[in-house]
Amino acid sequence: MAAAREAIADAWRIERGRGADEVVDSPRVTGSRTSVRQRNLAGSQSIALRDGSTPGRLGRPEACTRLVPALTILSSSQFERRSDRVVVMNGASDEGAEERERLNALSRRVAELEEQVAARDRTIELLRARDSLEEERQQMLAAVENCADFIGICSLDGRAIYCNPAGRRLIGYDLDADMRGFDVSQALTPEATRYFLQHIVPAIQATGRWEGELEFRHLVTGESFPTQYNAFMVKDQQTGQPLGIGAVTRDLRAARRAEEERRQLQDEVIRTQAAMLADLSTPLIPISDDVVVMPLIGTVDENRANQVLESLLAGVSARGAKVAILDITGVAAVDAAVAEGLLRAARAVRLLGAEVVLTGIRAEVAQALVGLGVDLGNIVTRGTLQSGIAFAMRRA
């Protein structure tokens, strides 16, 4: 290296001494590149010499002849030893190309790794989604299996596809037996089967659902029972094509029994209330041991007239009364039915050995009785309740 630098310097000094029009500047050595610069009136130009290559016109020919060997020695002497391995530095361009190739290879490898990571992430997301769907499916299946109502699916031609345990128990089908292909019409009464085919299936095909009462039949006992039947079309989620008919069915027997019990209880309450109202509407008030009074208020129809007769006879007989006063001051209107009821009461009481006194006959009531041709000749009448009580106390 030192010898090359001395040779270049000698050639340079000789060229400077000749005073040429075009001279060569002092050469510069940088890394693996050795360059010289020629100057003229128009400017300067740098020419790089690598691996002994001959530059173009550089000052005088003899100057180039002296510089080229020195530059060749200097260029060929540039090398580097690494781990007992000699790497010749032939130029920055070759090294840069190799470096770019390595960078490109690294970039391609990074892109491949990124794509692998993205694919792995997509796979993880798909697995998570599948696990979530499987968990939801298990939850839905558990809900259906443990539901107390009949839940089933059949094909469009009426063949069973699925039926939960509650549905199997409802129709008497073995819990452990394979129910696929079972003809669902066997679980319906003949009338219900015809109705199902003629009305329910067309309605489901037209509107997608049907709801109402349908009579089922127990496969073992043959017992028929009412159900609340809610049917709907099951479709493919992708194509929308119908796959079958689903149904949720509830046994109405317990509800019907509870309804019948409520109805009976309600009837009993009504009868009790009616009896209480009858007692209140036909009260029998004792005035003394021998005299009782029954004031009548409101409308007297045939049913109430019968209640008056029953209460009056029971009271007179139980107390041994001699006089019974019927006060009609509060009766709104008297018609033929009311008049007939009063006459029957008077005749019945007379058969028990007592006498009936009719009080509270207003002017319009008297006119109505005359217009009806009612003969009250055998009944004692008084205008007011007070006068009637006074008469009864004297007779008793």
Protein backbone atom coordinates (compact mmCIF):
# COMPACT_ATOMS: atom_id res chain seq x y z
CA MET A 1 0.00 0.00 0.00
CA ALA A 2 2.80 2.43 0.88
CA ALA A 3 4.68 1.62 -2.34
CA ALA A 4 1.57 2.33 -4.40
CA ARG A 5 1.08 5.68 -2.77
CA GLU A 6 4.75 6.63 -3.41
CA ALA A 7 4.48 5.66 -7.08
CA ILE A 8 1.39 7.82 -7.52
CA ALA A 9 3.10 10.73 -5.79
CA ASP A 10 6.22 10.47 -8.08
CA ALA A 11 4.07 10.41 -11.17
CA TRP A 12 2.21 13.40 -9.92
CA ARG A 13 5.35 15.46 -9.25
CA ILE A 14 6.76 14.71 -12.69
CA GLU A 15 3.48 15.78 -14.35
CA ARG A 16 3.33 19.02 -12.33
CA GLY A 17 6.83 19.90 -13.43
CA ARG A 18 5.91 19.82 -17.13
CA GLY A 19 3.26 22.55 -16.83
CA ALA A 20 0.76 20.96 -19.16
CA ASP A 21 -2.44 22.65 -20.27
CA GLU A 22 -4.43 19.75 -18.90
CA VAL A 23 -3.08 18.46 -15.65
CA VAL A 24 -4.13 15.74 -13.34
CA ASP A 25 -5.11 16.68 -9.80
CA SER A 26 -3.71 14.88 -6.86
CA PRO A 27 -5.21 11.41 -6.72
CA ARG A 28 -7.46 10.47 -3.82
CA VAL A 29 -7.86 7.05 -2.30
CA THR A 30 -11.15 6.40 -0.50
CA GLY A 31 -12.01 2.91 0.69
CA SER A 32 -11.80 0.56 -2.27
CA ARG A 33 -11.99 3.36 -4.89
CA THR A 34 -9.06 5.38 -6.21
CA SER A 35 -9.89 8.48 -8.26
CA VAL A 36 -8.00 11.26 -10.03
CA ARG A 37 -9.35 14.53 -11.30
CA GLN A 38 -8.27 16.33 -14.50
CA ARG A 39 -8.67 20.06 -14.78
CA ASN A 40 -8.92 22.29 -17.80
CA LEU A 41 -10.35 25.65 -18.58
CA ALA A 42 -13.91 24.39 -18.79
CA GLY A 43 -13.84 22.77 -15.34
CA SER A 44 -12.84 19.47 -13.84
CA GLN A 45 -13.78 15.78 -14.28
CA SER A 46 -13.26 12.87 -11.91
CA ILE A 47 -12.33 9.47 -13.33
CA ALA A 48 -12.39 6.42 -11.06
CA LEU A 49 -10.02 3.56 -11.64
CA ARG A 50 -11.09 0.09 -10.38
CA ASP A 51 -9.32 -3.27 -10.59
CA GLY A 52 -6.66 -1.98 -13.05
CA SER A 53 -9.13 -0.56 -15.61
CA THR A 54 -7.60 2.10 -17.84
CA PRO A 55 -9.18 5.55 -17.61
CA GLY A 56 -9.88 7.66 -20.63
CA ARG A 57 -7.85 10.68 -21.64
CA LEU A 58 -6.15 11.97 -18.49
CA GLY A 59 -3.65 14.74 -19.22
CA ARG A 60 -0.73 13.61 -21.35
CA PRO A 61 -0.38 9.95 -22.42
CA GLU A 62 2.90 9.58 -20.60
CA ALA A 63 1.21 10.78 -17.41
CA CYS A 64 -1.41 8.09 -17.73
CA THR A 65 1.30 5.54 -18.40
CA ARG A 66 3.00 6.38 -15.10
CA LEU A 67 -0.26 6.60 -13.05
CA VAL A 68 -1.98 3.45 -14.24
CA PRO A 69 0.52 0.93 -12.74
CA ALA A 70 0.48 2.74 -9.43
CA LEU A 71 -3.32 2.85 -9.32
CA THR A 72 -3.47 -0.82 -10.31
CA ILE A 73 -1.19 -1.75 -7.43
CA LEU A 74 -3.26 0.34 -5.02
CA SER A 75 -6.62 -1.05 -6.20
CA SER A 76 -5.53 -4.66 -6.11
CA SER A 77 -4.14 -4.20 -2.62
CA GLN A 78 -7.51 -3.33 -1.11
CA PHE A 79 -8.80 -6.36 0.80
CA GLU A 80 -10.08 -7.35 4.19
CA ARG A 81 -9.45 -10.47 6.25
CA ARG A 82 -12.29 -11.86 8.39
CA SER A 83 -12.00 -15.13 10.34
CA ASP A 84 -9.16 -16.41 8.11
CA ARG A 85 -11.28 -15.68 5.04
CA VAL A 86 -10.12 -13.01 2.53
CA VAL A 87 -12.83 -10.91 0.95
CA VAL A 88 -11.60 -8.85 -1.99
CA MET A 89 -13.25 -5.45 -2.12
CA ASN A 90 -13.85 -5.12 -5.85
CA GLY A 91 -16.16 -2.15 -5.58
CA ALA A 92 -19.03 -0.57 -3.71
CA SER A 93 -21.52 -1.37 -6.50
CA ASP A 94 -21.13 -5.16 -6.14
CA GLU A 95 -21.42 -4.92 -2.38
CA GLY A 96 -24.51 -2.71 -2.70
CA ALA A 97 -26.16 -5.17 -5.08
CA GLU A 98 -25.57 -8.01 -2.69
CA GLU A 99 -26.91 -5.93 0.19
CA ARG A 100 -30.05 -5.05 -1.78
CA GLU A 101 -30.54 -8.71 -2.62
CA ARG A 102 -30.25 -9.64 1.04
CA LEU A 103 -32.75 -6.89 1.97
CA ASN A 104 -35.17 -8.08 -0.69
CA ALA A 105 -34.86 -11.64 0.56
CA LEU A 106 -35.47 -10.45 4.12
CA SER A 107 -38.51 -8.41 2.96
CA ARG A 108 -39.94 -11.44 1.19
CA ARG A 109 -39.40 -13.55 4.30
CA VAL A 110 -41.07 -10.94 6.51
CA ALA A 111 -44.04 -10.82 4.14
CA GLU A 112 -44.29 -14.62 4.27
CA LEU A 113 -44.22 -14.57 8.07
CA GLU A 114 -46.84 -11.82 8.22
CA GLU A 115 -49.11 -13.83 5.93
CA GLN A 116 -48.60 -16.90 8.12
CA VAL A 117 -49.46 -14.89 11.23
CA ALA A 118 -52.58 -13.47 9.54
CA ALA A 119 -53.64 -16.97 8.46
CA ARG A 120 -53.08 -18.23 12.00
CA ASP A 121 -55.19 -15.37 13.40
CA ARG A 122 -57.98 -16.16 10.94
CA THR A 123 -57.86 -19.80 11.94
CA ILE A 124 -58.04 -18.88 15.62
CA GLU A 125 -61.06 -16.64 14.99
CA LEU A 126 -62.79 -19.41 13.04
CA LEU A 127 -62.11 -21.89 15.84
CA ARG A 128 -63.45 -19.46 18.42
CA ALA A 129 -66.57 -18.84 16.34
CA ARG A 130 -67.07 -22.58 15.92
CA ASP A 131 -66.66 -23.12 19.66
CA SER A 132 -69.16 -20.33 20.35
CA LEU A 133 -71.67 -21.84 17.93
CA GLU A 134 -71.19 -25.26 19.46
CA GLU A 135 -71.75 -23.83 22.94
CA GLU A 136 -74.96 -22.10 21.78
CA ARG A 137 -76.11 -25.32 20.13
CA GLN A 138 -75.55 -27.27 23.33
CA GLN A 139 -77.46 -24.65 25.33
CA MET A 140 -80.39 -24.71 22.90
CA LEU A 141 -80.44 -28.50 22.88
CA ALA A 142 -80.44 -28.59 26.69
CA ALA A 143 -83.34 -26.12 26.78
CA VAL A 144 -85.36 -28.17 24.28
CA GLU A 145 -84.58 -31.48 25.97
CA ASN A 146 -85.67 -30.19 29.39
CA CYS A 147 -88.74 -28.24 28.23
CA ALA A 148 -92.02 -29.40 29.79
CA ASP A 149 -93.90 -28.90 26.51
CA PHE A 150 -93.94 -31.16 23.46
CA ILE A 151 -91.31 -29.95 20.93
CA GLY A 152 -90.94 -31.85 17.69
CA ILE A 153 -90.05 -31.60 14.02
CA CYS A 154 -91.47 -33.70 11.21
CA SER A 155 -90.84 -33.81 7.48
CA LEU A 156 -93.24 -32.31 4.98
CA ASP A 157 -94.80 -35.76 4.44
CA GLY A 158 -95.52 -36.18 8.17
CA ARG A 159 -92.56 -38.34 9.26
CA ALA A 160 -90.94 -37.59 12.62
CA ILE A 161 -87.43 -36.14 12.60
CA TYR A 162 -87.07 -35.17 16.27
CA CYS A 163 -89.18 -35.25 19.44
CA ASN A 164 -88.05 -34.18 22.91
CA PRO A 165 -88.64 -36.38 26.01
CA ALA A 166 -91.73 -34.40 27.08
CA GLY A 167 -93.35 -35.06 23.69
CA ARG A 168 -92.59 -38.77 23.88
CA ARG A 169 -94.14 -39.01 27.34
CA LEU A 170 -97.20 -37.06 26.17
CA ILE A 171 -98.08 -39.50 23.39
CA GLY A 172 -96.76 -42.64 25.14
CA TYR A 173 -93.71 -43.27 22.92
CA ASP A 174 -90.66 -45.12 24.30
CA LEU A 175 -88.02 -42.63 25.46
CA ASP A 176 -85.13 -44.82 24.26
CA ALA A 177 -86.58 -45.86 20.90
CA ASP A 178 -85.59 -44.25 17.61
CA MET A 179 -88.50 -42.05 16.59
CA ARG A 180 -87.20 -41.01 13.16
CA GLY A 181 -89.64 -41.97 10.44
CA PHE A 182 -92.60 -42.32 12.83
CA ASP A 183 -95.93 -41.35 11.24
CA VAL A 184 -97.10 -38.40 13.37
CA SER A 185 -100.73 -38.91 12.32
CA GLN A 186 -100.80 -41.94 14.65
CA ALA A 187 -100.59 -39.52 17.59
CA LEU A 188 -103.73 -37.68 16.40
CA THR A 189 -107.37 -38.70 16.51
CA PRO A 190 -108.92 -39.45 13.09
CA GLU A 191 -110.82 -36.15 13.13
CA ALA A 192 -107.67 -34.25 14.08
CA THR A 193 -105.71 -35.98 11.31
CA ARG A 194 -108.20 -34.88 8.66
CA TYR A 195 -108.23 -31.35 10.04
CA PHE A 196 -104.42 -31.31 10.10
CA LEU A 197 -104.13 -32.33 6.44
CA GLN A 198 -106.99 -30.20 5.13
CA HIS A 199 -106.50 -26.99 7.11
CA ILE A 200 -103.32 -26.82 9.18
CA VAL A 201 -100.79 -27.89 6.54
CA PRO A 202 -102.16 -25.49 3.86
CA ALA A 203 -102.16 -22.67 6.40
CA ILE A 204 -98.52 -23.34 7.32
CA GLN A 205 -97.53 -23.44 3.66
CA ALA A 206 -99.35 -20.16 3.00
CA THR A 207 -98.43 -18.12 6.09
CA GLY A 208 -95.57 -20.05 7.68
CA ARG A 209 -97.41 -20.89 10.93
CA TRP A 210 -100.66 -22.05 12.55
CA GLU A 211 -101.88 -21.94 16.14
CA GLY A 212 -104.96 -23.43 17.75
CA GLU A 213 -106.38 -26.44 19.58
CA LEU A 214 -105.73 -29.94 18.24
CA GLU A 215 -106.76 -33.27 19.73
CA PHE A 216 -103.97 -35.80 20.33
CA ARG A 217 -104.20 -39.49 21.18
CA HIS A 218 -102.13 -41.57 23.60
CA LEU A 219 -100.49 -44.46 21.75
CA VAL A 220 -100.80 -46.92 24.64
CA THR A 221 -104.10 -46.09 26.37
CA GLY A 222 -105.87 -44.61 23.34
CA GLU A 223 -107.04 -41.66 25.46
CA SER A 224 -107.71 -38.51 23.47
CA PHE A 225 -106.89 -35.14 25.00
CA PRO A 226 -106.88 -31.50 23.90
CA THR A 227 -103.66 -29.61 23.22
CA GLN A 228 -102.60 -26.10 22.30
CA TYR A 229 -100.79 -26.70 18.99
CA ASN A 230 -98.33 -24.10 17.68
CA ALA A 231 -96.86 -25.19 14.32
CA PHE A 232 -94.42 -23.36 12.03
CA MET A 233 -92.40 -23.97 8.88
CA VAL A 234 -88.71 -24.88 9.32
CA LYS A 235 -86.60 -23.47 6.47
CA ASP A 236 -82.98 -23.74 5.30
CA GLN A 237 -81.18 -20.61 6.47
CA GLN A 238 -79.10 -20.40 3.30
CA THR A 239 -81.60 -21.21 0.56
CA GLY A 240 -84.91 -20.52 2.32
CA GLN A 241 -86.30 -23.85 1.14
CA PRO A 242 -88.74 -25.59 3.53
CA LEU A 243 -87.22 -28.52 5.40
CA GLY A 244 -90.11 -29.60 7.61
CA ILE A 245 -92.73 -28.56 10.14
CA GLY A 246 -91.86 -27.74 13.73
CA ALA A 247 -94.38 -27.76 16.55
CA VAL A 248 -94.60 -26.72 20.21
CA THR A 249 -97.55 -28.49 21.85
CA ARG A 250 -98.96 -28.02 25.36
CA ASP A 251 -101.25 -30.49 27.09
CA LEU A 252 -104.48 -28.71 28.05
CA ARG A 253 -105.86 -31.37 30.38
CA ALA A 254 -104.46 -29.79 33.54
CA ALA A 255 -105.63 -26.37 32.41
CA ARG A 256 -109.10 -27.74 31.63
CA ARG A 257 -109.33 -29.42 35.05
CA ALA A 258 -108.28 -26.20 36.75
CA GLU A 259 -110.80 -24.29 34.65
CA GLU A 260 -113.56 -26.73 35.61
CA GLU A 261 -112.65 -26.41 39.28
CA ARG A 262 -112.73 -22.64 39.00
CA ARG A 263 -116.10 -22.81 37.28
CA GLN A 264 -117.55 -25.06 39.96
CA LEU A 265 -116.17 -22.82 42.67
CA GLN A 266 -117.62 -19.80 40.93
CA ASP A 267 -121.01 -21.50 40.65
CA GLU A 268 -120.88 -22.34 44.34
CA VAL A 269 -120.06 -18.75 45.18
CA ILE A 270 -122.91 -17.55 42.99
CA ARG A 271 -125.34 -19.93 44.66
CA THR A 272 -124.20 -18.83 48.10
CA GLN A 273 -124.49 -15.20 47.16
CA ALA A 274 -127.92 -15.82 45.65
CA ALA A 275 -129.06 -17.48 48.86
CA MET A 276 -127.73 -14.58 50.90
CA LEU A 277 -129.45 -12.11 48.62
CA ALA A 278 -132.64 -14.13 48.85
CA ASP A 279 -132.49 -14.01 52.61
CA LEU A 280 -131.83 -10.30 52.48
CA SER A 281 -134.55 -9.69 49.89
CA THR A 282 -137.14 -11.73 51.81
CA PRO A 283 -136.35 -11.12 55.46
CA LEU A 284 -138.75 -12.49 58.07
CA ILE A 285 -138.84 -10.20 61.13
CA PRO A 286 -140.55 -11.41 64.32
CA ILE A 287 -142.68 -8.78 66.08
CA SER A 288 -143.85 -11.07 68.84
CA ASP A 289 -144.16 -14.78 69.41
CA ASP A 290 -147.31 -14.85 67.30
CA VAL A 291 -146.62 -12.11 64.69
CA VAL A 292 -143.96 -11.96 61.90
CA VAL A 293 -143.40 -9.31 59.22
CA MET A 294 -141.87 -9.72 55.73
CA PRO A 295 -141.10 -6.40 53.99
CA LEU A 296 -140.65 -6.64 50.21
CA ILE A 297 -138.47 -4.12 48.31
CA GLY A 298 -137.70 -3.78 44.62
CA THR A 299 -138.99 -5.92 41.79
CA VAL A 300 -140.87 -9.13 42.46
CA ASP A 301 -140.62 -11.66 39.65
CA GLU A 302 -141.57 -15.31 39.55
CA ASN A 303 -138.33 -16.52 41.16
CA ARG A 304 -138.54 -14.00 43.95
CA ALA A 305 -142.24 -14.79 44.51
CA ASN A 306 -141.24 -18.42 45.05
CA GLN A 307 -138.55 -17.31 47.52
CA VAL A 308 -141.18 -15.25 49.38
CA LEU A 309 -143.45 -18.26 49.63
CA GLU A 310 -140.66 -20.57 50.86
CA SER A 311 -139.36 -18.12 53.46
CA LEU A 312 -142.80 -17.22 54.72
CA LEU A 313 -143.91 -20.81 55.15
CA ALA A 314 -140.62 -21.78 56.84
CA GLY A 315 -140.82 -18.85 59.28
CA VAL A 316 -144.47 -19.35 60.21
CA SER A 317 -143.96 -23.06 60.72
CA ALA A 318 -140.76 -22.66 62.75
CA ARG A 319 -142.13 -19.94 65.04
CA GLY A 320 -145.74 -21.06 65.24
CA ALA A 321 -146.92 -17.58 64.32
CA LYS A 322 -150.60 -16.80 64.04
CA VAL A 323 -150.34 -13.68 61.86
CA ALA A 324 -147.94 -13.00 58.95
CA ILE A 325 -147.71 -9.47 57.56
CA LEU A 326 -146.59 -8.94 53.94
CA ASP A 327 -145.58 -5.31 53.41
CA ILE A 328 -145.32 -4.28 49.73
CA THR A 329 -144.60 -0.61 50.35
CA GLY A 330 -141.19 -0.90 48.60
CA VAL A 331 -142.41 -2.91 45.59
CA ALA A 332 -141.95 -0.81 42.45
CA ALA A 333 -144.74 -2.39 40.38
CA VAL A 334 -147.39 -5.06 40.83
CA ASP A 335 -148.40 -7.20 37.87
CA ALA A 336 -150.35 -10.41 37.44
CA ALA A 337 -147.33 -12.54 38.47
CA VAL A 338 -146.86 -10.58 41.70
CA ALA A 339 -150.55 -10.73 42.50
CA GLU A 340 -150.66 -14.47 41.84
CA GLY A 341 -147.64 -14.98 44.11
CA LEU A 342 -149.30 -13.05 46.94
CA LEU A 343 -152.51 -15.06 46.67
CA ARG A 344 -150.57 -18.36 46.71
CA ALA A 345 -148.65 -17.20 49.81
CA ALA A 346 -151.91 -16.30 51.56
CA ARG A 347 -153.51 -19.64 50.79
CA ALA A 348 -150.42 -21.59 51.90
CA VAL A 349 -150.14 -19.70 55.21
CA ARG A 350 -153.84 -20.27 55.87
CA LEU A 351 -153.22 -24.01 55.50
CA LEU A 352 -150.76 -23.73 58.39
CA GLY A 353 -153.45 -22.18 60.61
CA ALA A 354 -152.22 -18.60 60.35
CA GLU A 355 -153.59 -15.44 58.73
CA VAL A 356 -151.94 -13.11 56.15
CA VAL A 357 -152.23 -9.33 56.37
CA LEU A 358 -151.25 -7.33 53.25
CA THR A 359 -150.00 -3.78 53.97
CA GLY A 360 -148.51 -0.86 52.04
CA ILE A 361 -150.94 -0.89 49.13
CA ARG A 362 -150.53 2.46 47.39
CA ALA A 363 -153.19 4.01 45.17
CA GLU A 364 -151.49 3.01 41.92
CA VAL A 365 -150.99 -0.52 43.20
CA ALA A 366 -154.67 -0.78 44.15
CA GLN A 367 -155.64 0.45 40.70
CA ALA A 368 -153.38 -2.13 39.06
CA LEU A 369 -154.86 -4.94 41.15
CA VAL A 370 -158.40 -3.91 40.23
CA GLY A 371 -157.40 -3.67 36.56
CA LEU A 372 -156.02 -7.21 36.72
CA GLY A 373 -159.24 -8.49 38.30
CA VAL A 374 -157.43 -9.85 41.33
CA ASP A 375 -159.78 -10.86 44.12
CA LEU A 376 -158.24 -10.11 47.51
CA GLY A 377 -161.43 -10.70 49.41
CA ASN A 378 -159.96 -13.42 51.62
CA ILE A 379 -156.90 -11.33 52.51
CA VAL A 380 -156.89 -8.64 55.19
CA THR A 381 -155.42 -5.41 53.76
CA ARG A 382 -154.17 -2.28 55.51
CA GLY A 383 -152.80 0.94 54.06
CA THR A 384 -149.64 1.12 56.18
CA LEU A 385 -147.34 -1.27 57.97
CA GLN A 386 -148.07 0.42 61.29
CA SER A 387 -151.83 -0.17 61.01
CA GLY A 388 -151.17 -3.75 59.92
CA ILE A 389 -149.02 -4.43 62.98
CA ALA A 390 -151.69 -2.92 65.25
CA PHE A 391 -154.31 -5.20 63.69
CA ALA A 392 -152.12 -8.25 64.05
CA MET A 393 -151.35 -7.55 67.68
CA ARG A 394 -155.08 -7.34 68.47
CA ARG A 395 -155.79 -10.58 66.62
CA ALA A 396 -152.91 -12.41 68.26
